[in-house]
Amino acid sequence: MSNNTNRRDFLGYTFAAVAAVGGAASLVGMKQAWDPLPSVLSGGFTNVEVSGLKAGEPTTVMWRGKPIFVLKKTAEMEDSKRDLKIGSDRFTVAIGLCTHLGCIPAWKKDTWKCACHGGEFNASGKQTFGPPPRPLDLPPFSVKGTEIVLGEEGPEYKEIAAAMMA
């Protein structure tokens, strides 16, 4: 009888161990399924420090797989309702894709020029020549000190977006 009891205990402990390992593996699998994908995590927010930017020389940052143009405007560049004011400086923030067919325009002196079909955008992102049907699009952003946070709709974004619609 003691042999049966020992064998029964052994089988019970073995079953419990297998069940525990299987349960732990299931929990790990469920957690991985619930976690956001790396592509979603990388598409969150992007901070752009603007205090070191030179006037008249745009910088390009990537946000959610799209180029974002950030241009510190010179005193000679026109005032626009699209201008983002941070302190005494004015900036243009725009998604760097031509609104005609999605090519990436290049900065030439004081204009973004699209090589695909000749579209041109001024320093404020407004279309000035060619087939683009509208200005460069505005990415959602907010301002925190001297940083622009891409991916977050702040009051500055809402003000510029409303002015563009008017």
C-alpha atoms as a PDB file:
ATOM      1  CA  MET A   1       0.000   0.000   0.000  1.00  0.00           C
ATOM      2  CA  SER A   2       2.789   2.370   0.710  1.00  0.00           C
ATOM      3  CA  ASN A   3       4.138   1.797  -2.848  1.00  0.00           C
ATOM      4  CA  ASN A   4       0.778   2.939  -4.324  1.00  0.00           C
ATOM      5  CA  THR A   5       0.706   5.954  -2.049  1.00  0.00           C
ATOM      6  CA  ASN A   6       4.222   6.999  -3.053  1.00  0.00           C
ATOM      7  CA  ARG A   7       3.462   6.464  -6.731  1.00  0.00           C
ATOM      8  CA  ARG A   8       0.215   8.446  -6.393  1.00  0.00           C
ATOM      9  CA  ASP A   9       2.004  11.289  -4.634  1.00  0.00           C
ATOM     10  CA  PHE A  10       4.716  11.332  -7.309  1.00  0.00           C
ATOM     11  CA  LEU A  11       2.125  11.450 -10.117  1.00  0.00           C
ATOM     12  CA  GLY A  12       0.242  14.213  -8.314  1.00  0.00           C
ATOM     13  CA  TYR A  13       3.399  16.320  -7.854  1.00  0.00           C
ATOM     14  CA  THR A  14       4.405  15.719 -11.465  1.00  0.00           C
ATOM     15  CA  PHE A  15       0.979  16.794 -12.727  1.00  0.00           C
ATOM     16  CA  ALA A  16       1.086  19.907 -10.517  1.00  0.00           C
ATOM     17  CA  ALA A  17       4.546  20.829 -11.833  1.00  0.00           C
ATOM     18  CA  VAL A  18       3.499  20.379 -15.472  1.00  0.00           C
ATOM     19  CA  ALA A  19       0.326  22.407 -14.876  1.00  0.00           C
ATOM     20  CA  ALA A  20       2.322  25.196 -13.193  1.00  0.00           C
ATOM     21  CA  VAL A  21       4.815  25.392 -16.090  1.00  0.00           C
ATOM     22  CA  GLY A  22       1.964  25.368 -18.636  1.00  0.00           C
ATOM     23  CA  GLY A  23       0.081  28.064 -16.729  1.00  0.00           C
ATOM     24  CA  ALA A  24       3.179  30.271 -16.522  1.00  0.00           C
ATOM     25  CA  ALA A  25       3.825  29.835 -20.259  1.00  0.00           C
ATOM     26  CA  SER A  26       0.210  30.770 -20.990  1.00  0.00           C
ATOM     27  CA  LEU A  27       0.498  33.950 -18.893  1.00  0.00           C
ATOM     28  CA  VAL A  28       3.692  34.974 -20.704  1.00  0.00           C
ATOM     29  CA  GLY A  29       1.980  34.429 -24.064  1.00  0.00           C
ATOM     30  CA  MET A  30      -1.082  36.447 -23.016  1.00  0.00           C
ATOM     31  CA  LYS A  31       1.094  39.325 -21.787  1.00  0.00           C
ATOM     32  CA  GLN A  32       2.962  39.417 -25.104  1.00  0.00           C
ATOM     33  CA  ALA A  33      -0.352  39.489 -26.969  1.00  0.00           C
ATOM     34  CA  TRP A  34      -1.641  42.373 -24.826  1.00  0.00           C
ATOM     35  CA  ASP A  35       1.515  44.504 -25.048  1.00  0.00           C
ATOM     36  CA  PRO A  36       1.551  47.103 -27.853  1.00  0.00           C
ATOM     37  CA  LEU A  37       3.695  46.306 -30.858  1.00  0.00           C
ATOM     38  CA  PRO A  38       7.114  47.984 -31.077  1.00  0.00           C
ATOM     39  CA  SER A  39       5.908  49.934 -34.124  1.00  0.00           C
ATOM     40  CA  VAL A  40       3.088  51.401 -32.048  1.00  0.00           C
ATOM     41  CA  LEU A  41       5.399  52.308 -29.178  1.00  0.00           C
ATOM     42  CA  SER A  42       7.861  54.027 -31.528  1.00  0.00           C
ATOM     43  CA  GLY A  43       5.030  56.020 -33.085  1.00  0.00           C
ATOM     44  CA  GLY A  44       4.244  57.888 -29.878  1.00  0.00           C
ATOM     45  CA  PHE A  45       5.729  61.266 -29.127  1.00  0.00           C
ATOM     46  CA  THR A  46       8.860  62.885 -30.509  1.00  0.00           C
ATOM     47  CA  ASN A  47      10.480  65.865 -28.799  1.00  0.00           C
ATOM     48  CA  VAL A  48      12.262  68.495 -30.880  1.00  0.00           C
ATOM     49  CA  GLU A  49      14.492  70.977 -29.055  1.00  0.00           C
ATOM     50  CA  VAL A  50      14.293  74.255 -31.010  1.00  0.00           C
ATOM     51  CA  SER A  51      16.555  76.536 -28.958  1.00  0.00           C
ATOM     52  CA  GLY A  52      19.641  75.557 -30.975  1.00  0.00           C
ATOM     53  CA  LEU A  53      18.123  75.855 -34.458  1.00  0.00           C
ATOM     54  CA  LYS A  54      19.617  78.384 -36.883  1.00  0.00           C
ATOM     55  CA  ALA A  55      17.236  80.796 -38.595  1.00  0.00           C
ATOM     56  CA  GLY A  56      16.603  79.969 -42.246  1.00  0.00           C
ATOM     57  CA  GLU A  57      17.934  76.405 -41.997  1.00  0.00           C
ATOM     58  CA  PRO A  58      15.171  73.817 -41.566  1.00  0.00           C
ATOM     59  CA  THR A  59      15.713  70.579 -39.703  1.00  0.00           C
ATOM     60  CA  THR A  60      13.929  67.334 -40.477  1.00  0.00           C
ATOM     61  CA  VAL A  61      12.910  64.826 -37.813  1.00  0.00           C
ATOM     62  CA  MET A  62      11.067  61.549 -38.269  1.00  0.00           C
ATOM     63  CA  TRP A  63       7.739  61.055 -36.506  1.00  0.00           C
ATOM     64  CA  ARG A  64       5.528  58.008 -37.134  1.00  0.00           C
ATOM     65  CA  GLY A  65       7.455  57.258 -40.307  1.00  0.00           C
ATOM     66  CA  LYS A  66       6.944  60.739 -41.762  1.00  0.00           C
ATOM     67  CA  PRO A  67       9.447  63.555 -42.177  1.00  0.00           C
ATOM     68  CA  ILE A  68       8.568  66.644 -40.141  1.00  0.00           C
ATOM     69  CA  PHE A  69      10.040  69.986 -41.215  1.00  0.00           C
ATOM     70  CA  VAL A  70      10.850  72.473 -38.440  1.00  0.00           C
ATOM     71  CA  LEU A  71      12.065  75.860 -39.683  1.00  0.00           C
ATOM     72  CA  LYS A  72      13.134  78.778 -37.521  1.00  0.00           C
ATOM     73  CA  LYS A  73      12.084  81.735 -39.639  1.00  0.00           C
ATOM     74  CA  THR A  74      14.316  84.715 -40.365  1.00  0.00           C
ATOM     75  CA  ALA A  75      13.112  88.294 -39.893  1.00  0.00           C
ATOM     76  CA  GLU A  76      12.766  88.617 -43.693  1.00  0.00           C
ATOM     77  CA  MET A  77      10.366  85.675 -44.001  1.00  0.00           C
ATOM     78  CA  GLU A  78       6.687  86.567 -44.155  1.00  0.00           C
ATOM     79  CA  ASP A  79       4.436  86.464 -41.112  1.00  0.00           C
ATOM     80  CA  SER A  80       1.798  83.780 -41.394  1.00  0.00           C
ATOM     81  CA  LYS A  81      -1.164  82.498 -39.419  1.00  0.00           C
ATOM     82  CA  ARG A  82       0.733  79.164 -39.485  1.00  0.00           C
ATOM     83  CA  ASP A  83       3.647  80.597 -37.514  1.00  0.00           C
ATOM     84  CA  LEU A  84       4.379  78.969 -34.181  1.00  0.00           C
ATOM     85  CA  LYS A  85       5.724  81.548 -31.749  1.00  0.00           C
ATOM     86  CA  ILE A  86       8.100  80.375 -29.033  1.00  0.00           C
ATOM     87  CA  GLY A  87       9.494  83.335 -27.153  1.00  0.00           C
ATOM     88  CA  SER A  88      10.491  85.931 -29.741  1.00  0.00           C
ATOM     89  CA  ASP A  89      11.127  83.325 -32.457  1.00  0.00           C
ATOM     90  CA  ARG A  90       8.759  82.160 -35.194  1.00  0.00           C
ATOM     91  CA  PHE A  91       8.713  78.593 -36.504  1.00  0.00           C
ATOM     92  CA  THR A  92       7.059  76.622 -39.263  1.00  0.00           C
ATOM     93  CA  VAL A  93       6.155  73.041 -38.345  1.00  0.00           C
ATOM     94  CA  ALA A  94       4.878  70.876 -41.199  1.00  0.00           C
ATOM     95  CA  ILE A  95       4.649  67.288 -42.377  1.00  0.00           C
ATOM     96  CA  GLY A  96       7.332  67.115 -45.059  1.00  0.00           C
ATOM     97  CA  LEU A  97       5.252  65.391 -47.726  1.00  0.00           C
ATOM     98  CA  CYS A  98       4.033  67.200 -50.836  1.00  0.00           C
ATOM     99  CA  THR A  99       0.255  67.435 -50.778  1.00  0.00           C
ATOM    100  CA  HIS A 100       0.129  66.513 -54.465  1.00  0.00           C
ATOM    101  CA  LEU A 101       1.476  62.938 -54.479  1.00  0.00           C
ATOM    102  CA  GLY A 102       3.457  62.595 -51.242  1.00  0.00           C
ATOM    103  CA  CYS A 103       7.012  63.227 -52.435  1.00  0.00           C
ATOM    104  CA  ILE A 104       9.462  64.854 -50.001  1.00  0.00           C
ATOM    105  CA  PRO A 105      10.256  68.450 -51.014  1.00  0.00           C
ATOM    106  CA  ALA A 106      13.820  69.761 -50.644  1.00  0.00           C
ATOM    107  CA  TRP A 107      14.760  73.130 -49.105  1.00  0.00           C
ATOM    108  CA  LYS A 108      16.251  75.469 -51.720  1.00  0.00           C
ATOM    109  CA  LYS A 109      17.303  78.861 -50.291  1.00  0.00           C
ATOM    110  CA  ASP A 110      13.890  80.014 -48.998  1.00  0.00           C
ATOM    111  CA  THR A 111      11.425  77.549 -50.583  1.00  0.00           C
ATOM    112  CA  TRP A 112      10.596  73.869 -50.366  1.00  0.00           C
ATOM    113  CA  LYS A 113      10.636  72.475 -53.904  1.00  0.00           C
ATOM    114  CA  CYS A 114       9.177  69.116 -54.873  1.00  0.00           C
ATOM    115  CA  ALA A 115      11.193  67.420 -57.607  1.00  0.00           C
ATOM    116  CA  CYS A 116       8.354  65.070 -58.622  1.00  0.00           C
ATOM    117  CA  HIS A 117       6.044  67.571 -60.342  1.00  0.00           C
ATOM    118  CA  GLY A 118       7.509  71.005 -59.617  1.00  0.00           C
ATOM    119  CA  GLY A 119       5.382  71.971 -56.623  1.00  0.00           C
ATOM    120  CA  GLU A 120       6.716  74.746 -54.411  1.00  0.00           C
ATOM    121  CA  PHE A 121       5.942  75.776 -50.847  1.00  0.00           C
ATOM    122  CA  ASN A 122       7.104  78.969 -49.141  1.00  0.00           C
ATOM    123  CA  ALA A 123       8.760  79.165 -45.718  1.00  0.00           C
ATOM    124  CA  SER A 124       5.318  79.028 -44.068  1.00  0.00           C
ATOM    125  CA  GLY A 125       4.409  75.790 -45.883  1.00  0.00           C
ATOM    126  CA  LYS A 126       1.903  77.489 -48.211  1.00  0.00           C
ATOM    127  CA  GLN A 127       1.805  76.201 -51.790  1.00  0.00           C
ATOM    128  CA  THR A 128       3.073  78.889 -54.181  1.00  0.00           C
ATOM    129  CA  PHE A 129       3.494  77.028 -57.478  1.00  0.00           C
ATOM    130  CA  GLY A 130       2.596  73.812 -59.231  1.00  0.00           C
ATOM    131  CA  PRO A 131       0.023  71.088 -58.681  1.00  0.00           C
ATOM    132  CA  PRO A 132      -0.132  70.789 -54.857  1.00  0.00           C
ATOM    133  CA  PRO A 133      -3.792  71.415 -53.902  1.00  0.00           C
ATOM    134  CA  ARG A 134      -3.122  72.730 -50.369  1.00  0.00           C
ATOM    135  CA  PRO A 135      -0.341  73.803 -47.993  1.00  0.00           C
ATOM    136  CA  LEU A 136       1.922  71.302 -46.265  1.00  0.00           C
ATOM    137  CA  ASP A 137      -0.062  69.471 -43.596  1.00  0.00           C
ATOM    138  CA  LEU A 138       0.275  70.319 -39.919  1.00  0.00           C
ATOM    139  CA  PRO A 139       1.263  67.521 -37.526  1.00  0.00           C
ATOM    140  CA  PRO A 140      -0.318  67.508 -34.067  1.00  0.00           C
ATOM    141  CA  PHE A 141       2.069  69.112 -31.564  1.00  0.00           C
ATOM    142  CA  SER A 142       2.325  70.910 -28.267  1.00  0.00           C
ATOM    143  CA  VAL A 143       4.973  73.216 -26.857  1.00  0.00           C
ATOM    144  CA  LYS A 144       6.779  72.575 -23.576  1.00  0.00           C
ATOM    145  CA  GLY A 145       9.346  75.280 -22.890  1.00  0.00           C
ATOM    146  CA  THR A 146      11.678  75.282 -25.888  1.00  0.00           C
ATOM    147  CA  GLU A 147      10.593  71.828 -27.070  1.00  0.00           C
ATOM    148  CA  ILE A 148       7.979  70.906 -29.628  1.00  0.00           C
ATOM    149  CA  VAL A 149       6.307  67.605 -28.716  1.00  0.00           C
ATOM    150  CA  LEU A 150       5.040  65.901 -31.885  1.00  0.00           C
ATOM    151  CA  GLY A 151       1.990  63.665 -31.483  1.00  0.00           C
ATOM    152  CA  GLU A 152       0.201  65.712 -28.826  1.00  0.00           C
ATOM    153  CA  GLU A 153      -2.484  68.288 -29.663  1.00  0.00           C
ATOM    154  CA  GLY A 154      -1.682  71.332 -27.557  1.00  0.00           C
ATOM    155  CA  PRO A 155      -3.365  74.756 -27.536  1.00  0.00           C
ATOM    156  CA  GLU A 156      -0.798  76.125 -30.006  1.00  0.00           C
ATOM    157  CA  TYR A 157      -1.668  73.401 -32.530  1.00  0.00           C
ATOM    158  CA  LYS A 158      -5.403  73.971 -32.093  1.00  0.00           C
ATOM    159  CA  GLU A 159      -4.970  77.732 -32.598  1.00  0.00           C
ATOM    160  CA  ILE A 160      -2.949  77.302 -35.806  1.00  0.00           C
ATOM    161  CA  ALA A 161      -5.266  74.573 -37.148  1.00  0.00           C
ATOM    162  CA  ALA A 162      -8.319  76.794 -36.523  1.00  0.00           C
ATOM    163  CA  ALA A 163      -6.638  79.756 -38.239  1.00  0.00           C
ATOM    164  CA  MET A 164      -5.815  77.585 -41.256  1.00  0.00           C
ATOM    165  CA  MET A 165      -9.465  76.512 -41.574  1.00  0.00           C
ATOM    166  CA  ALA A 166     -10.719  80.118 -41.504  1.00  0.00           C
END
